[in-house]
Protein backbone atom coordinates (compact mmCIF):
# COMPACT_ATOMS: atom_id res chain seq x y z
CA MET A 1 22.60 10.46 40.31
CA LYS A 2 20.69 7.22 40.09
CA THR A 3 21.66 3.88 38.58
CA MET A 4 19.59 0.91 37.54
CA THR A 5 21.14 -2.54 37.31
CA LYS A 6 20.26 -4.44 34.16
CA GLY A 7 21.85 -7.86 34.33
CA ALA A 8 25.48 -7.36 35.32
CA VAL A 9 25.67 -3.83 33.85
CA ALA A 10 24.54 -0.70 35.70
CA LEU A 11 22.43 1.69 33.65
CA PRO A 12 23.92 5.18 34.10
CA LEU A 13 20.75 7.17 34.67
CA ASN A 14 20.78 10.97 34.50
CA GLU A 15 24.35 11.10 33.25
CA ILE A 16 25.99 12.54 30.15
CA LEU A 17 28.33 9.94 28.69
CA ALA A 18 31.35 11.02 26.67
CA GLY A 19 32.29 9.30 23.45
CA ASP A 20 31.08 8.08 20.09
CA CYS A 21 27.36 7.31 20.31
CA ILE A 22 27.64 3.93 18.59
CA ASP A 23 30.41 2.68 20.86
CA VAL A 24 28.66 3.96 24.00
CA MET A 25 25.28 2.49 23.04
CA ASN A 26 26.86 -0.88 22.31
CA ALA A 27 28.33 -0.88 25.83
CA LEU A 28 24.94 -0.33 27.50
CA PRO A 29 22.62 -3.24 28.43
CA GLU A 30 20.11 -4.27 25.78
CA ASN A 31 16.36 -3.86 26.22
CA SER A 32 16.90 -1.17 28.86
CA VAL A 33 15.47 2.06 27.38
CA ASP A 34 11.82 3.11 26.98
CA LEU A 35 12.26 5.89 24.43
CA ILE A 36 15.01 7.30 22.23
CA PHE A 37 14.99 10.85 20.91
CA ALA A 38 17.63 11.27 18.23
CA ASP A 39 18.72 14.51 16.57
CA PRO A 40 21.51 13.14 14.34
CA PRO A 41 23.76 15.17 12.04
CA TYR A 42 21.70 16.40 9.06
CA ASN A 43 24.55 16.18 6.53
CA LEU A 44 23.62 19.63 5.21
CA GLN A 45 26.23 19.56 2.44
CA LEU A 46 26.85 23.30 2.62
CA ARG A 47 29.10 24.68 -0.07
CA GLY A 48 30.84 27.87 0.98
CA ASP A 49 29.62 30.65 3.26
CA LEU A 50 25.99 31.68 3.47
CA VAL A 51 25.49 35.47 3.56
CA ARG A 52 22.55 37.80 4.09
CA PRO A 53 21.59 40.55 1.62
CA ASP A 54 23.67 43.00 3.70
CA ASN A 55 26.70 40.69 3.20
CA SER A 56 26.80 39.64 6.86
CA LYS A 57 27.65 35.98 7.36
CA VAL A 58 24.99 33.53 8.58
CA ASP A 59 26.05 31.34 11.49
CA ALA A 60 25.18 28.12 9.65
CA VAL A 61 25.91 24.50 10.56
CA ASP A 62 29.44 23.95 9.27
CA ASP A 63 30.84 21.96 12.19
CA GLU A 64 33.04 18.93 11.63
CA TRP A 65 30.45 16.59 13.14
CA ASP A 66 28.07 17.38 10.26
CA GLN A 67 30.60 16.59 7.53
CA PHE A 68 30.33 13.32 5.59
CA ALA A 69 32.32 12.43 2.47
CA SER A 70 29.34 10.97 0.59
CA PHE A 71 25.79 9.71 0.94
CA ALA A 72 27.20 6.20 1.22
CA VAL A 73 29.29 7.20 4.24
CA TYR A 74 26.30 8.92 5.85
CA ASP A 75 24.06 5.90 5.21
CA LYS A 76 26.62 3.56 6.79
CA PHE A 77 26.76 5.80 9.87
CA THR A 78 22.95 5.94 10.03
CA ARG A 79 22.55 2.17 9.85
CA ALA A 80 25.17 1.67 12.56
CA TRP A 81 23.65 4.03 15.12
CA LEU A 82 20.10 2.82 14.43
CA LYS A 83 21.21 -0.80 14.95
CA ALA A 84 22.76 0.14 18.30
CA ALA A 85 19.66 2.13 19.25
CA ARG A 86 17.25 -0.71 18.43
CA ARG A 87 19.26 -3.09 20.58
CA LEU A 88 18.80 -0.79 23.58
CA LEU A 89 15.05 -0.32 23.25
CA LYS A 90 12.72 -2.43 25.36
CA PRO A 91 10.33 -4.63 23.35
CA ASN A 92 7.60 -1.99 23.65
CA GLY A 93 9.97 0.94 23.22
CA ALA A 94 9.87 3.62 20.55
CA ILE A 95 12.11 6.13 18.83
CA TRP A 96 11.78 9.68 17.55
CA VAL A 97 14.22 10.90 14.90
CA ILE A 98 14.24 14.50 13.69
CA GLY A 99 15.76 15.73 10.47
CA SER A 100 15.48 18.02 7.46
CA TYR A 101 15.01 17.31 3.77
CA HIS A 102 18.76 16.70 3.56
CA ASN A 103 18.64 13.46 5.55
CA ILE A 104 15.21 12.45 6.83
CA PHE A 105 14.24 10.36 3.80
CA ARG A 106 17.46 8.36 4.02
CA VAL A 107 16.93 7.91 7.77
CA GLY A 108 13.33 6.77 7.20
CA ALA A 109 14.39 4.05 4.80
CA ALA A 110 17.12 2.91 7.19
CA LEU A 111 14.60 2.75 10.05
CA GLN A 112 12.36 0.41 8.09
CA ASP A 113 15.32 -1.69 6.94
CA GLN A 114 16.34 -2.16 10.59
CA GLY A 115 12.90 -3.50 11.53
CA PHE A 116 11.38 -0.41 13.15
CA TRP A 117 7.66 0.15 12.54
CA ILE A 118 6.84 3.74 11.57
CA LEU A 119 3.86 5.10 13.51
CA ASN A 120 3.74 8.70 12.29
CA ASP A 121 5.75 11.37 10.64
CA VAL A 122 5.25 14.68 12.42
CA VAL A 123 5.97 18.02 10.81
CA TRP A 124 7.42 20.62 13.15
CA ARG A 125 6.34 23.86 11.48
CA LYS A 126 8.48 26.69 12.76
CA SER A 127 6.50 29.80 13.62
CA ASN A 128 9.65 31.93 13.23
CA PRO A 129 11.86 30.25 10.59
CA MET A 130 15.09 31.66 9.26
CA PRO A 131 14.39 33.32 5.86
CA ASN A 132 15.88 32.07 2.61
CA PHE A 133 18.46 34.77 1.94
CA ARG A 134 19.35 33.80 -1.62
CA GLY A 135 15.75 33.79 -2.81
CA LYS A 136 16.27 30.67 -4.93
CA ARG A 137 14.16 28.22 -2.92
CA PHE A 138 11.19 28.19 -0.57
CA THR A 139 11.88 29.34 2.97
CA ASN A 140 12.71 26.16 4.84
CA ALA A 141 10.05 26.49 7.54
CA HIS A 142 9.76 22.96 8.90
CA GLU A 143 11.57 19.85 10.03
CA THR A 144 10.26 16.30 9.96
CA MET A 145 10.17 13.86 12.86
CA ILE A 146 9.62 10.13 12.46
CA TRP A 147 8.03 8.27 15.37
CA ALA A 148 8.50 4.51 15.21
CA GLY A 149 8.00 1.48 17.44
CA LYS A 150 10.71 -1.12 17.91
CA GLY A 151 8.60 -3.54 15.90
CA GLU A 152 5.18 -3.93 14.31
CA ASN A 153 3.65 -5.48 17.44
CA ALA A 154 5.25 -3.18 20.02
CA LYS A 155 2.78 -1.86 22.58
CA TYR A 156 4.26 1.63 22.55
CA THR A 157 3.18 4.41 24.92
CA PHE A 158 0.80 6.98 23.47
CA ASN A 159 -0.85 9.35 25.93
CA TYR A 160 -3.64 10.39 23.60
CA GLU A 161 -5.78 12.14 26.22
CA ALA A 162 -2.80 14.10 27.59
CA LEU A 163 -1.92 15.41 24.12
CA LYS A 164 -5.56 16.24 23.52
CA ALA A 165 -5.61 18.23 26.78
CA LEU A 166 -2.47 20.10 25.68
CA ASN A 167 -4.39 21.07 22.53
CA GLU A 168 -7.44 22.52 24.33
CA GLY A 169 -9.50 19.35 24.03
CA ILE A 170 -8.89 18.84 20.30
CA GLN A 171 -7.18 15.74 18.94
CA MET A 172 -3.47 16.43 18.45
CA ARG A 173 -2.53 16.58 14.78
CA SER A 174 0.71 15.60 13.09
CA ASP A 175 1.66 19.19 12.27
CA TRP A 176 3.05 21.08 15.25
CA VAL A 177 3.48 24.85 15.13
CA LEU A 178 6.21 25.77 17.60
CA PRO A 179 8.94 28.45 17.57
CA ILE A 180 12.65 27.77 17.16
CA CYS A 181 15.03 28.56 20.01
CA THR A 182 15.45 32.29 20.50
CA GLY A 183 15.93 34.78 23.32
CA HIS A 184 16.58 33.48 26.83
CA GLU A 185 16.20 29.83 25.78
CA ARG A 186 19.07 30.04 23.30
CA LEU A 187 22.18 28.97 25.20
CA LYS A 188 25.44 30.89 24.75
CA ASP A 189 29.04 29.86 25.20
CA ASP A 190 31.70 31.77 27.14
CA ALA A 191 32.28 34.02 24.12
CA GLY A 192 28.61 34.95 23.91
CA ASP A 193 28.01 32.96 20.72
CA LYS A 194 25.37 30.26 20.20
CA ALA A 195 26.46 27.23 22.18
CA HIS A 196 24.99 24.89 19.54
CA PRO A 197 23.75 25.71 16.02
CA THR A 198 20.76 23.35 16.10
CA GLN A 199 19.51 23.59 19.70
CA LYS A 200 15.93 22.29 19.84
CA PRO A 201 13.24 24.15 21.79
CA GLU A 202 12.05 22.71 25.09
CA SER A 203 8.44 22.97 23.88
CA LEU A 204 9.16 20.32 21.24
CA LEU A 205 10.62 17.83 23.73
CA HIS A 206 7.87 18.59 26.25
CA ARG A 207 5.23 17.50 23.76
CA ILE A 208 7.16 14.39 22.74
CA LEU A 209 7.84 13.21 26.30
CA VAL A 210 4.33 13.96 27.60
CA GLY A 211 2.87 12.14 24.61
CA SER A 212 5.07 9.05 24.43
CA THR A 213 6.54 8.41 27.90
CA ASN A 214 5.41 8.12 31.51
CA PRO A 215 7.08 9.35 34.73
CA GLY A 216 9.99 7.08 35.61
CA ASP A 217 10.65 6.01 32.01
CA VAL A 218 14.21 6.00 30.70
CA VAL A 219 14.86 8.32 27.74
CA LEU A 220 18.08 8.06 25.74
CA ASP A 221 19.45 10.84 23.54
CA PRO A 222 22.49 9.65 21.56
CA PHE A 223 23.19 13.13 20.11
CA PHE A 224 22.75 15.05 23.34
CA GLY A 225 24.16 18.43 22.31
CA THR A 226 23.32 21.08 24.89
CA GLY A 227 20.92 18.77 26.71
CA THR A 228 17.38 19.81 25.82
CA THR A 229 16.18 16.21 26.14
CA GLY A 230 17.80 15.83 29.55
CA ALA A 231 16.49 19.15 30.85
CA VAL A 232 12.89 18.40 29.87
CA ALA A 233 13.13 14.78 31.07
CA LYS A 234 14.30 15.97 34.49
CA MET A 235 11.46 18.50 34.73
CA LEU A 236 8.90 15.85 33.80
CA GLY A 237 10.15 13.15 36.15
CA ARG A 238 11.73 10.92 33.51
CA ASP A 239 15.25 9.50 33.74
CA PHE A 240 17.63 10.29 30.90
CA ILE A 241 20.88 9.04 29.44
CA GLY A 242 22.78 11.47 27.24
CA ILE A 243 25.64 10.66 24.88
CA GLU A 244 27.80 13.45 23.52
CA ARG A 245 31.30 13.34 22.08
CA GLU A 246 31.97 17.12 22.06
CA GLU A 247 33.35 18.36 25.39
CA ALA A 248 32.07 21.91 24.87
CA TYR A 249 28.48 20.68 24.50
CA ARG A 250 28.78 18.40 27.52
CA LYS A 251 29.97 21.34 29.62
CA VAL A 252 27.00 23.50 28.62
CA ALA A 253 24.51 20.64 29.09
CA THR A 254 25.84 19.72 32.54
CA LYS A 255 25.47 23.28 33.79
CA ARG A 256 22.03 23.62 32.23
CA ILE A 257 20.59 20.43 33.72
CA ALA A 258 22.03 21.17 37.18
CA ASN A 259 19.87 24.31 37.25
CA VAL A 260 16.67 22.48 36.27
CA ARG A 261 14.05 21.84 38.95
CA ARG A 262 11.89 18.73 38.73
CA PHE A 263 8.15 19.41 38.86
CA ASP A 264 6.37 18.12 41.97
CA ARG A 265 4.58 14.77 41.86
CA ASP A 266 1.07 16.15 41.39
CA ALA A 267 2.18 18.34 38.49
CA LEU A 268 3.65 15.31 36.70
CA GLN A 269 0.30 13.54 36.41
CA THR A 270 -1.33 13.68 32.99
CA THR A 271 -4.80 12.95 31.66
CA THR A 272 -5.18 9.23 31.02
CA SER A 273 -7.29 7.39 28.49
CA LYS A 274 -10.49 5.79 29.72
CA ARG A 275 -9.20 2.51 28.31
CA ALA A 276 -6.10 2.78 30.47
CA GLU A 277 -8.10 3.03 33.70
CA PRO A 278 -8.60 -0.13 35.81
CA ARG A 279 -11.58 -2.25 34.81
CA VAL A 280 -14.34 -2.36 37.43
CA PRO A 281 -17.11 -4.93 36.91
CA PHE A 282 -20.61 -3.69 37.76
CA GLY A 283 -21.02 -6.72 40.00
CA GLN A 284 -18.31 -5.33 42.29
CA LEU A 285 -20.65 -2.47 43.22
CA VAL A 286 -23.23 -5.08 44.29
CA GLU A 287 -20.70 -7.22 46.18
CA ARG A 288 -19.53 -4.23 48.17
CA GLY A 289 -23.04 -3.10 49.06
CA MET A 290 -22.80 0.14 47.13
CA LEU A 291 -25.93 -1.02 45.29
CA ARG A 292 -28.32 -3.60 46.72
CA PRO A 293 -30.07 -6.51 44.97
CA GLY A 294 -33.65 -5.45 44.30
CA GLU A 295 -32.71 -1.76 44.02
CA ASN A 296 -34.00 0.08 40.97
CA LEU A 297 -31.77 1.87 38.47
CA TYR A 298 -33.14 4.62 36.24
CA SER A 299 -32.10 5.72 32.77
CA MET A 300 -30.58 9.18 32.42
CA ASN A 301 -33.64 10.28 30.46
CA ASN A 302 -35.85 8.79 33.22
CA ARG A 303 -37.88 6.81 30.68
CA HIS A 304 -36.80 3.35 31.80
CA LYS A 305 -35.94 1.47 34.95
CA ALA A 306 -34.47 -1.93 35.78
CA LYS A 307 -33.84 -3.90 38.94
CA VAL A 308 -30.40 -4.92 40.22
CA ARG A 309 -29.88 -8.66 40.72
CA ALA A 310 -27.48 -10.37 43.11
CA ASP A 311 -25.16 -11.52 40.31
CA GLY A 312 -24.62 -8.01 38.96
CA THR A 313 -27.12 -8.26 36.09
CA LEU A 314 -30.27 -6.18 35.60
CA ILE A 315 -33.82 -7.27 34.89
CA GLY A 316 -36.43 -5.12 33.19
CA ASP A 317 -39.96 -5.77 32.03
CA ASP A 318 -38.94 -8.11 29.22
CA ILE A 319 -35.14 -8.25 29.32
CA LYS A 320 -32.34 -9.37 31.59
CA GLY A 321 -28.59 -9.04 31.14
CA SER A 322 -25.69 -6.69 31.78
CA ILE A 323 -26.05 -2.97 32.37
CA HIS A 324 -25.02 -2.47 28.73
CA GLN A 325 -27.31 -5.11 27.21
CA VAL A 326 -30.41 -3.98 29.09
CA GLY A 327 -29.79 -0.33 28.29
CA ALA A 328 -29.33 -1.05 24.59
CA HIS A 329 -32.51 -3.17 24.47
CA LEU A 330 -34.64 -0.54 26.18
CA GLU A 331 -33.38 2.19 23.86
CA GLY A 332 -33.61 0.02 20.75
CA ALA A 333 -29.94 0.79 20.10
CA PRO A 334 -27.17 -1.52 18.81
CA SER A 335 -25.04 -0.72 21.90
CA CYS A 336 -25.12 1.25 25.12
CA ASN A 337 -22.57 2.36 27.71
CA GLY A 338 -24.38 1.29 30.84
CA TRP A 339 -22.04 3.26 33.10
CA THR A 340 -23.24 6.56 31.66
CA TYR A 341 -26.83 5.39 30.99
CA TRP A 342 -27.93 4.20 34.44
CA CYS A 343 -28.46 6.16 37.66
CA PHE A 344 -29.55 5.35 41.21
CA LYS A 345 -31.41 7.49 43.70
CA ARG A 346 -30.20 8.63 47.12
CA GLU A 347 -32.10 11.06 49.34
CA GLY A 348 -34.22 12.17 46.42
CA LYS A 349 -31.21 12.87 44.17
CA THR A 350 -30.36 11.03 40.95
CA VAL A 351 -26.70 9.91 40.82
CA PRO A 352 -24.93 8.23 37.87
CA ILE A 353 -23.60 4.76 38.71
CA ASP A 354 -20.27 5.84 37.18
CA VAL A 355 -19.68 7.86 40.36
CA LEU A 356 -19.40 4.58 42.26
CA ARG A 357 -17.01 3.14 39.67
CA GLN A 358 -14.75 6.20 39.95
CA GLN A 359 -14.80 5.83 43.74
CA ILE A 360 -13.45 2.28 43.43
CA ARG A 361 -10.83 3.37 40.89
CA SER A 362 -9.67 6.08 43.25
CA GLU A 363 -9.23 3.52 46.01
CA MET A 364 -7.25 1.26 43.67
CA ALA A 365 -4.86 4.11 42.80
CA ASN A 366 -4.05 4.91 46.46
């Protein structure tokens, strides 16, 4: 167990807190959480039992925690927990809320009313959805997630390159095809029944946490259930805070998370954006003697050359300026990435100057 002191209040990291989520959140220090993942009650409004064509009963969500007397009561609850959640988020924090058609539109409006700034809605398309047994509506094959920043100007975390790598080098889209919980992942209680009717798959939380948090970030789940958020956070080297009022769910979650092994440090690293890497001026290569004043650089296509000057600029036949300006002029192009355009020669071999930049970046990271 680890704690972090925020003002005079200790942040209970990697704990499952018992109680009403609104009361517990209001007791935690403000501006202390990097990300919130919320899977609130959907207010399914089920009327009577749901049965299959063979007359067997479907184990649907009919628990007391999903019962609300009216839309007005549900909206009041939604506004209250979102207000408490926003207070906890750091200025650059963000929130994910998942829901179905029963509640997600009401939650979305409440998010905007509270001052959150919606970044995306993401459709989780279930590859193995439960069929519609009555045959009176479409098979409900997806749920909707809303991703929002604390405010319009929040500098939220988005690990674009890591998500792209997860998707075999293709930009991650806002429709995610992932299976629901089945088989060994579906947790059971002591009686052998489903421990929770709406347990979310670890694959879903893996993608969310890899994409919108970094190792060491604090992730809060105010509707913790059987602890999927905590289990994945622990694996990925994030700290979590869970809030759950139902003792049975806390018991299952505690046992589950105790059996989770955190990935080693190297495995936690993800692909970073080029923009996120430390800036290295070309002149630093000259200052450190990696390139010498008077040394020639050659274009990748070997059509042009320019000479390095002591101040980190280049001079060609009729142009002088930065590695980018000279490259663009020689190619007659509006712009040029000098780091990938220019090369130097060592022992008869042509080497991109970007190799030297990456060497410096590696030193800065160690």
